[in-house]
Amino acid sequence: MKTIFDKATRAEIIDRIGTLNESSTAQWGKMTVYQMLKHCSLWEEMVLGKTMYKQSFIGKLFGKMALKGMLKDDSPVKKNMPTVPGFNITGTGDVEAEKAKWIELIHEEENFANHNFVHPFFGKMTKEQIGCFAYKHIDHHLRQFGA
């Protein structure tokens, strides 16, 4: 399974991000390309420990089971999956600046050290789980915009 912690995988992701531009449109969902980029930058900041969230009550009940289902194989994340409320982005912004920020954050994954990471729904995750789910999350949104 692909992981964000693999150098070649990060390079592939960065190449795919590079194909996005102002005119990129979603093949599903309601996000604009800027909103998706901002969403993914915020998500990456959470993974890196720059922002912290507590696990939701519903996540404490179902998070581990859902995570196991998400990581059971290489299948992509399903379309139109719900997101953590704090990651719902509205408004507009600079697509190129947000792309650059996201790419910078992806480069930082090389030195990942957030071993106490807690996902707001899935809860505490191992480094292996974080790496695989981070890739799946990124891949999901890049496929959403045809990248």
Protein backbone atom coordinates (compact mmCIF):
# COMPACT_ATOMS: atom_id res chain seq x y z
CA MET A 1 0.00 0.00 0.00
CA LYS A 2 1.29 3.49 -0.85
CA THR A 3 2.36 5.77 1.99
CA ILE A 4 3.10 9.49 2.26
CA PHE A 5 6.33 8.54 4.00
CA ASP A 6 7.80 7.08 0.78
CA LYS A 7 9.94 9.56 -1.18
CA ALA A 8 8.79 8.31 -4.61
CA THR A 9 5.14 8.52 -3.54
CA ARG A 10 5.62 12.10 -2.33
CA ALA A 11 7.23 12.99 -5.68
CA GLU A 12 4.25 11.47 -7.55
CA ILE A 13 1.80 13.43 -5.39
CA ILE A 14 3.68 16.69 -5.92
CA ASP A 15 3.69 16.13 -9.69
CA ARG A 16 -0.07 15.57 -9.59
CA ILE A 17 -0.63 18.72 -7.51
CA GLY A 18 1.38 20.61 -10.11
CA THR A 19 -1.23 19.80 -12.76
CA LEU A 20 -3.94 21.71 -10.87
CA ASN A 21 -4.83 25.28 -11.82
CA GLU A 22 -7.60 27.90 -11.44
CA SER A 23 -9.72 26.17 -14.07
CA SER A 24 -9.55 22.69 -12.49
CA THR A 25 -13.07 21.57 -11.66
CA ALA A 26 -14.37 18.85 -9.38
CA GLN A 27 -15.65 15.65 -10.95
CA TRP A 28 -17.78 15.14 -7.83
CA GLY A 29 -18.59 17.09 -4.67
CA LYS A 30 -19.05 20.81 -4.17
CA MET A 31 -15.52 22.07 -3.49
CA THR A 32 -13.66 24.44 -5.75
CA VAL A 33 -10.01 23.72 -6.46
CA TYR A 34 -8.95 26.41 -3.96
CA GLN A 35 -11.21 24.93 -1.25
CA MET A 36 -9.78 21.46 -1.88
CA LEU A 37 -6.20 22.76 -1.70
CA LYS A 38 -6.91 24.62 1.55
CA HIS A 39 -8.70 21.56 2.98
CA CYS A 40 -5.69 19.38 2.18
CA SER A 41 -3.21 21.91 3.60
CA LEU A 42 -5.17 22.01 6.87
CA TRP A 43 -5.30 18.22 6.92
CA GLU A 44 -1.54 18.02 6.37
CA GLU A 45 -0.95 20.51 9.21
CA MET A 46 -2.98 18.22 11.47
CA VAL A 47 -0.93 15.18 10.47
CA LEU A 48 2.31 17.06 11.13
CA GLY A 49 1.10 18.19 14.57
CA LYS A 50 0.84 21.90 13.72
CA THR A 51 -2.83 21.77 14.78
CA MET A 52 -4.41 19.32 17.18
CA TYR A 53 -7.92 17.94 17.46
CA LYS A 54 -9.64 15.69 19.97
CA GLN A 55 -11.43 12.56 18.88
CA SER A 56 -15.19 13.00 18.58
CA PHE A 57 -17.58 10.91 20.63
CA ILE A 58 -18.91 9.15 17.51
CA GLY A 59 -15.31 8.50 16.48
CA LYS A 60 -14.63 6.86 19.84
CA LEU A 61 -17.52 4.51 19.12
CA PHE A 62 -16.83 3.70 15.46
CA GLY A 63 -13.46 5.19 14.50
CA LYS A 64 -11.23 2.13 14.82
CA MET A 65 -13.65 -0.06 12.89
CA ALA A 66 -13.97 2.55 10.12
CA LEU A 67 -10.19 3.00 9.92
CA LYS A 68 -9.70 -0.75 9.58
CA GLY A 69 -12.18 -0.76 6.69
CA MET A 70 -10.46 2.20 5.00
CA LEU A 71 -7.01 0.59 5.20
CA LYS A 72 -7.91 -3.03 4.39
CA ASP A 73 -6.68 -2.71 0.79
CA ASP A 74 -5.51 -0.29 -1.92
CA SER A 75 -9.03 0.74 -2.93
CA PRO A 76 -9.52 4.52 -3.14
CA VAL A 77 -11.60 6.51 -0.69
CA LYS A 78 -15.24 6.60 -1.81
CA LYS A 79 -16.67 9.74 -3.37
CA ASN A 80 -18.57 12.26 -1.23
CA MET A 81 -17.35 10.96 2.13
CA PRO A 82 -18.09 13.27 5.09
CA THR A 83 -15.27 15.41 6.45
CA VAL A 84 -14.35 16.75 9.86
CA PRO A 85 -16.38 19.98 10.31
CA GLY A 86 -13.25 22.11 10.81
CA PHE A 87 -12.05 21.08 7.36
CA ASN A 88 -15.11 22.34 5.46
CA ILE A 89 -13.71 25.30 3.53
CA THR A 90 -15.73 28.13 2.03
CA GLY A 91 -14.72 31.20 0.07
CA THR A 92 -12.00 31.85 -2.45
CA GLY A 93 -8.27 32.38 -2.42
CA ASP A 94 -4.98 32.14 -4.28
CA VAL A 95 -4.75 28.70 -5.92
CA GLU A 96 -1.02 28.94 -6.68
CA ALA A 97 -0.16 30.05 -3.12
CA GLU A 98 -2.23 27.22 -1.63
CA LYS A 99 -0.60 24.69 -3.97
CA ALA A 100 2.84 25.90 -2.85
CA LYS A 101 1.85 25.65 0.82
CA TRP A 102 0.49 22.12 0.41
CA ILE A 103 3.61 20.99 -1.45
CA GLU A 104 5.82 22.44 1.30
CA LEU A 105 3.83 20.53 3.92
CA ILE A 106 4.14 17.29 1.92
CA HIS A 107 7.92 17.75 1.85
CA GLU A 108 7.84 18.02 5.66
CA GLU A 109 6.43 14.46 5.85
CA GLU A 110 9.99 13.22 5.21
CA ASN A 111 10.79 14.16 8.82
CA PHE A 112 7.48 13.08 10.37
CA ALA A 113 7.67 13.10 14.16
CA ASN A 114 4.05 13.43 15.34
CA HIS A 115 3.87 10.03 17.03
CA ASN A 116 0.99 11.14 19.28
CA PHE A 117 -1.27 11.93 16.33
CA VAL A 118 -5.00 11.65 17.05
CA HIS A 119 -7.41 11.87 14.12
CA PRO A 120 -10.71 13.62 15.01
CA PHE A 121 -12.70 10.55 13.94
CA PHE A 122 -10.33 7.56 13.77
CA GLY A 123 -8.46 8.39 16.98
CA LYS A 124 -4.87 7.39 17.74
CA MET A 125 -3.14 5.97 14.67
CA THR A 126 0.20 4.26 14.11
CA LYS A 127 2.76 5.83 11.80
CA GLU A 128 2.00 3.15 9.22
CA GLN A 129 -1.74 3.90 9.38
CA ILE A 130 -1.10 7.64 9.15
CA GLY A 131 1.13 7.22 6.10
CA CYS A 132 -1.30 5.00 4.22
CA PHE A 133 -4.39 7.02 5.11
CA ALA A 134 -2.64 10.32 4.27
CA TYR A 135 -1.86 8.96 0.81
CA LYS A 136 -5.45 7.76 0.33
CA HIS A 137 -6.81 11.14 1.43
CA ILE A 138 -4.54 13.03 -0.96
CA ASP A 139 -5.22 10.62 -3.82
CA HIS A 140 -8.96 10.98 -3.23
CA HIS A 141 -8.86 14.76 -3.63
CA LEU A 142 -6.45 14.74 -6.56
CA ARG A 143 -8.69 12.24 -8.39
CA GLN A 144 -11.66 14.48 -7.49
CA PHE A 145 -10.01 17.18 -9.64
CA GLY A 146 -8.71 14.88 -12.37
CA ALA A 147 -5.08 15.05 -11.23
